[in-house]
């Protein structure tokens, strides 16, 4: 299964809300939120300006809807792939960066929509930060669950350490366009996991 973030293809006969989110997703991901005007989104979506404001009220609300949809779509791909099957929890943790590499290798990989959006917006604005934190919490909770099942003494701490590696890899690949950096991050991640499991007295085979 491949990642689908920033890869929405919306049918012309889809409802206006779906077309607007699809068009805004493609444009915001590839060109940036600030650089994408509402008129550009409307042309891409084939929707009237009055319809956009009736549905969303403002560009800010459209941005939030895009982030919510993208976060849900990414989690619906990543989390089932991470957790699937009867492999040992430690082996499931080893899936993290190979899965991310699948995403990094896509032509339409433009980085994390949440990181990009917060980078472009007022850092004192709590709305986008709250959306990003909810997304991150869902991902870290799944990683912490696997760490706990593998015998880690402090699974929450380990999940945050892995989360930092994930965020760093996403930004590094966005800048360099080198998906192989996922392999570098995987090596670091494996060392971090093994250390955490040794501290907890667990076997690294999980």
Protein backbone atom coordinates (compact mmCIF):
# COMPACT_ATOMS: atom_id res chain seq x y z
CA UNK A 1 0.00 0.00 0.00
CA UNK A 2 1.35 3.43 -0.85
CA UNK A 3 0.92 6.75 0.87
CA UNK A 4 -1.76 9.07 -0.45
CA UNK A 5 -0.98 12.36 1.29
CA UNK A 6 -1.23 15.29 -1.12
CA UNK A 7 -2.39 12.93 -3.86
CA UNK A 8 -6.11 13.66 -4.10
CA UNK A 9 -7.69 13.28 -7.53
CA UNK A 10 -11.17 14.73 -7.34
CA UNK A 11 -13.79 13.91 -9.97
CA UNK A 12 -15.42 16.83 -11.72
CA UNK A 13 -18.85 15.63 -10.60
CA UNK A 14 -17.80 15.42 -6.94
CA UNK A 15 -19.56 17.71 -4.42
CA UNK A 16 -18.14 21.27 -4.23
CA UNK A 17 -16.69 20.72 -0.74
CA UNK A 18 -14.75 17.68 -1.92
CA UNK A 19 -13.51 19.50 -5.03
CA UNK A 20 -12.37 22.48 -2.98
CA UNK A 21 -10.47 20.33 -0.49
CA UNK A 22 -8.92 18.32 -3.32
CA UNK A 23 -7.80 21.41 -5.22
CA UNK A 24 -6.58 23.19 -2.10
CA UNK A 25 -4.65 20.11 -1.00
CA UNK A 26 -2.76 19.84 -4.29
CA UNK A 27 -1.99 23.55 -4.38
CA UNK A 28 -1.17 24.07 -0.71
CA UNK A 29 1.15 21.07 -0.68
CA UNK A 30 3.01 21.89 -3.88
CA UNK A 31 3.04 25.71 -3.83
CA UNK A 32 2.51 26.66 -0.20
CA UNK A 33 -0.51 28.08 1.58
CA UNK A 34 0.53 31.73 1.56
CA UNK A 35 1.52 31.59 -2.12
CA UNK A 36 -1.81 30.09 -3.16
CA UNK A 37 -4.61 32.60 -3.59
CA UNK A 38 -8.25 31.75 -3.24
CA UNK A 39 -8.86 32.50 -6.93
CA UNK A 40 -6.31 29.84 -7.87
CA UNK A 41 -8.10 27.28 -5.70
CA UNK A 42 -11.44 28.24 -7.23
CA UNK A 43 -10.14 27.81 -10.78
CA UNK A 44 -8.61 24.44 -9.93
CA UNK A 45 -11.80 23.26 -8.23
CA UNK A 46 -14.24 24.75 -10.72
CA UNK A 47 -16.25 26.30 -7.89
CA UNK A 48 -17.65 29.82 -7.43
CA UNK A 49 -16.23 32.08 -4.73
CA UNK A 50 -19.64 32.41 -3.07
CA UNK A 51 -19.77 28.61 -2.73
CA UNK A 52 -16.37 28.51 -1.05
CA UNK A 53 -17.33 31.12 1.51
CA UNK A 54 -20.70 29.48 2.09
CA UNK A 55 -19.01 26.15 2.87
CA UNK A 56 -15.90 27.29 4.74
CA UNK A 57 -16.38 30.96 5.57
CA UNK A 58 -12.73 31.87 4.96
CA UNK A 59 -9.43 30.66 3.58
CA UNK A 60 -8.30 29.91 7.13
CA UNK A 61 -11.18 27.49 7.62
CA UNK A 62 -10.35 25.87 4.27
CA UNK A 63 -6.75 25.41 5.41
CA UNK A 64 -7.97 23.74 8.60
CA UNK A 65 -10.28 21.42 6.63
CA UNK A 66 -7.40 20.44 4.35
CA UNK A 67 -5.14 19.65 7.29
CA UNK A 68 -7.81 17.60 9.03
CA UNK A 69 -8.45 15.62 5.83
CA UNK A 70 -4.76 15.12 5.09
CA UNK A 71 -3.98 14.06 8.64
CA UNK A 72 -6.80 11.52 8.58
CA UNK A 73 -5.79 10.19 5.16
CA UNK A 74 -2.13 9.82 6.19
CA UNK A 75 -3.02 8.06 9.44
CA UNK A 76 -5.45 5.76 7.61
CA UNK A 77 -2.50 4.65 5.48
CA UNK A 78 0.37 4.65 7.97
CA UNK A 79 -1.15 3.27 11.16
CA UNK A 80 -2.81 0.13 9.72
CA UNK A 81 0.39 -0.64 7.78
CA UNK A 82 2.43 -0.19 10.95
CA UNK A 83 0.20 -2.33 13.16
CA UNK A 84 -0.89 -5.04 10.72
CA UNK A 85 -0.26 -8.73 11.17
CA UNK A 86 1.17 -10.92 13.90
CA UNK A 87 4.80 -9.79 13.80
CA UNK A 88 6.45 -9.08 17.13
CA UNK A 89 6.02 -5.49 18.36
CA UNK A 90 9.74 -4.82 17.95
CA UNK A 91 9.55 -5.88 14.31
CA UNK A 92 6.56 -3.64 13.76
CA UNK A 93 8.57 -0.71 15.09
CA UNK A 94 11.17 -1.52 12.43
CA UNK A 95 8.50 -0.78 9.78
CA UNK A 96 8.36 2.93 10.58
CA UNK A 97 11.06 4.25 8.28
CA UNK A 98 10.57 1.78 5.41
CA UNK A 99 6.96 2.96 5.35
CA UNK A 100 8.05 6.57 5.43
CA UNK A 101 10.45 5.91 2.57
CA UNK A 102 7.47 4.78 0.46
CA UNK A 103 5.97 8.21 1.10
CA UNK A 104 9.26 10.04 0.51
CA UNK A 105 9.67 8.35 -2.88
CA UNK A 106 6.42 9.71 -4.24
CA UNK A 107 6.69 12.49 -6.83
CA UNK A 108 4.08 14.42 -4.86
CA UNK A 109 5.91 14.28 -1.53
CA UNK A 110 6.21 17.88 -0.35
CA UNK A 111 6.84 17.31 3.35
CA UNK A 112 4.42 17.22 6.25
CA UNK A 113 1.40 19.47 5.66
CA UNK A 114 1.27 20.31 9.38
CA UNK A 115 4.93 21.30 9.64
CA UNK A 116 4.64 23.34 6.45
CA UNK A 117 1.44 25.09 7.57
CA UNK A 118 2.79 26.06 10.98
CA UNK A 119 6.01 27.24 9.35
CA UNK A 120 4.03 29.63 7.17
CA UNK A 121 1.66 31.00 9.81
CA UNK A 122 1.74 33.20 12.89
CA UNK A 123 3.51 31.15 15.55
CA UNK A 124 1.22 32.54 18.25
CA UNK A 125 -1.90 31.20 16.46
CA UNK A 126 -3.06 28.12 18.41
CA UNK A 127 -5.49 26.71 15.82
CA UNK A 128 -3.04 25.03 13.45
CA UNK A 129 -0.86 23.96 16.35
CA UNK A 130 -3.83 22.18 17.93
CA UNK A 131 -4.55 20.30 14.69
CA UNK A 132 -0.90 19.29 14.39
CA UNK A 133 -0.74 18.11 17.99
CA UNK A 134 -3.84 15.94 17.58
CA UNK A 135 -2.32 14.33 14.52
CA UNK A 136 1.02 13.80 16.24
CA UNK A 137 -0.64 12.37 19.35
CA UNK A 138 -2.44 9.70 17.32
CA UNK A 139 0.82 8.61 15.68
CA UNK A 140 2.85 8.68 18.89
CA UNK A 141 0.15 6.76 20.77
CA UNK A 142 0.43 3.90 18.26
CA UNK A 143 4.22 3.88 18.53
CA UNK A 144 4.02 3.95 22.33
CA UNK A 145 1.62 1.01 22.26
CA UNK A 146 4.11 -1.06 20.26
CA UNK A 147 6.95 0.03 22.54
CA UNK A 148 4.93 -1.01 25.58
CA UNK A 149 4.14 -4.39 24.05
CA UNK A 150 7.83 -4.85 23.25
CA UNK A 151 8.68 -4.41 26.93
CA UNK A 152 9.94 -0.83 26.98
CA UNK A 153 10.02 0.62 30.51
CA UNK A 154 9.13 4.14 29.29
CA UNK A 155 7.16 3.75 26.05
CA UNK A 156 5.96 7.36 25.99
CA UNK A 157 9.51 8.70 26.11
CA UNK A 158 10.57 6.28 23.39
CA UNK A 159 7.65 7.32 21.19
CA UNK A 160 8.72 10.97 21.47
CA UNK A 161 12.30 10.08 20.60
CA UNK A 162 11.11 8.24 17.51
CA UNK A 163 8.76 11.14 16.73
CA UNK A 164 11.73 13.52 16.64
CA UNK A 165 13.50 11.20 14.20
CA UNK A 166 10.37 11.07 12.04
CA UNK A 167 10.01 14.85 11.95
CA UNK A 168 13.71 15.30 11.23
CA UNK A 169 13.62 12.80 8.38
CA UNK A 170 10.56 14.44 6.84
CA UNK A 171 12.21 17.88 6.84
CA UNK A 172 15.56 16.54 5.63
CA UNK A 173 14.00 14.68 2.71
CA UNK A 174 11.82 17.65 1.82
CA UNK A 175 14.96 19.77 1.54
CA UNK A 176 17.31 17.28 -0.11
CA UNK A 177 14.78 15.24 -2.13
CA UNK A 178 16.77 12.16 -1.09
CA UNK A 179 14.45 9.37 0.12
CA UNK A 180 17.47 7.30 1.19
CA UNK A 181 17.72 9.48 4.28
CA UNK A 182 14.91 7.30 5.60
CA UNK A 183 17.45 4.50 5.84
CA UNK A 184 19.79 6.69 7.86
CA UNK A 185 16.94 7.55 10.21
CA UNK A 186 16.02 3.85 10.44
CA UNK A 187 19.52 3.02 11.68
CA UNK A 188 19.29 5.71 14.34
CA UNK A 189 15.80 4.60 15.28
CA UNK A 190 16.89 0.98 15.72
CA UNK A 191 19.69 2.05 18.05
CA UNK A 192 17.30 4.19 20.10
CA UNK A 193 14.80 1.34 20.40
CA UNK A 194 17.44 -1.25 21.34
CA UNK A 195 18.79 1.04 24.05
CA UNK A 196 15.32 1.65 25.47
CA UNK A 197 14.53 -2.06 25.49
CA UNK A 198 17.82 -2.93 27.20
CA UNK A 199 17.06 -0.40 29.91
CA UNK A 200 13.68 -2.06 30.38
CA UNK A 201 15.16 -5.54 30.47
CA UNK A 202 13.35 -6.57 27.28
CA UNK A 203 14.84 -8.56 24.46
CA UNK A 204 15.45 -6.50 21.32
CA UNK A 205 13.67 -9.18 19.28
CA UNK A 206 10.43 -7.98 20.91
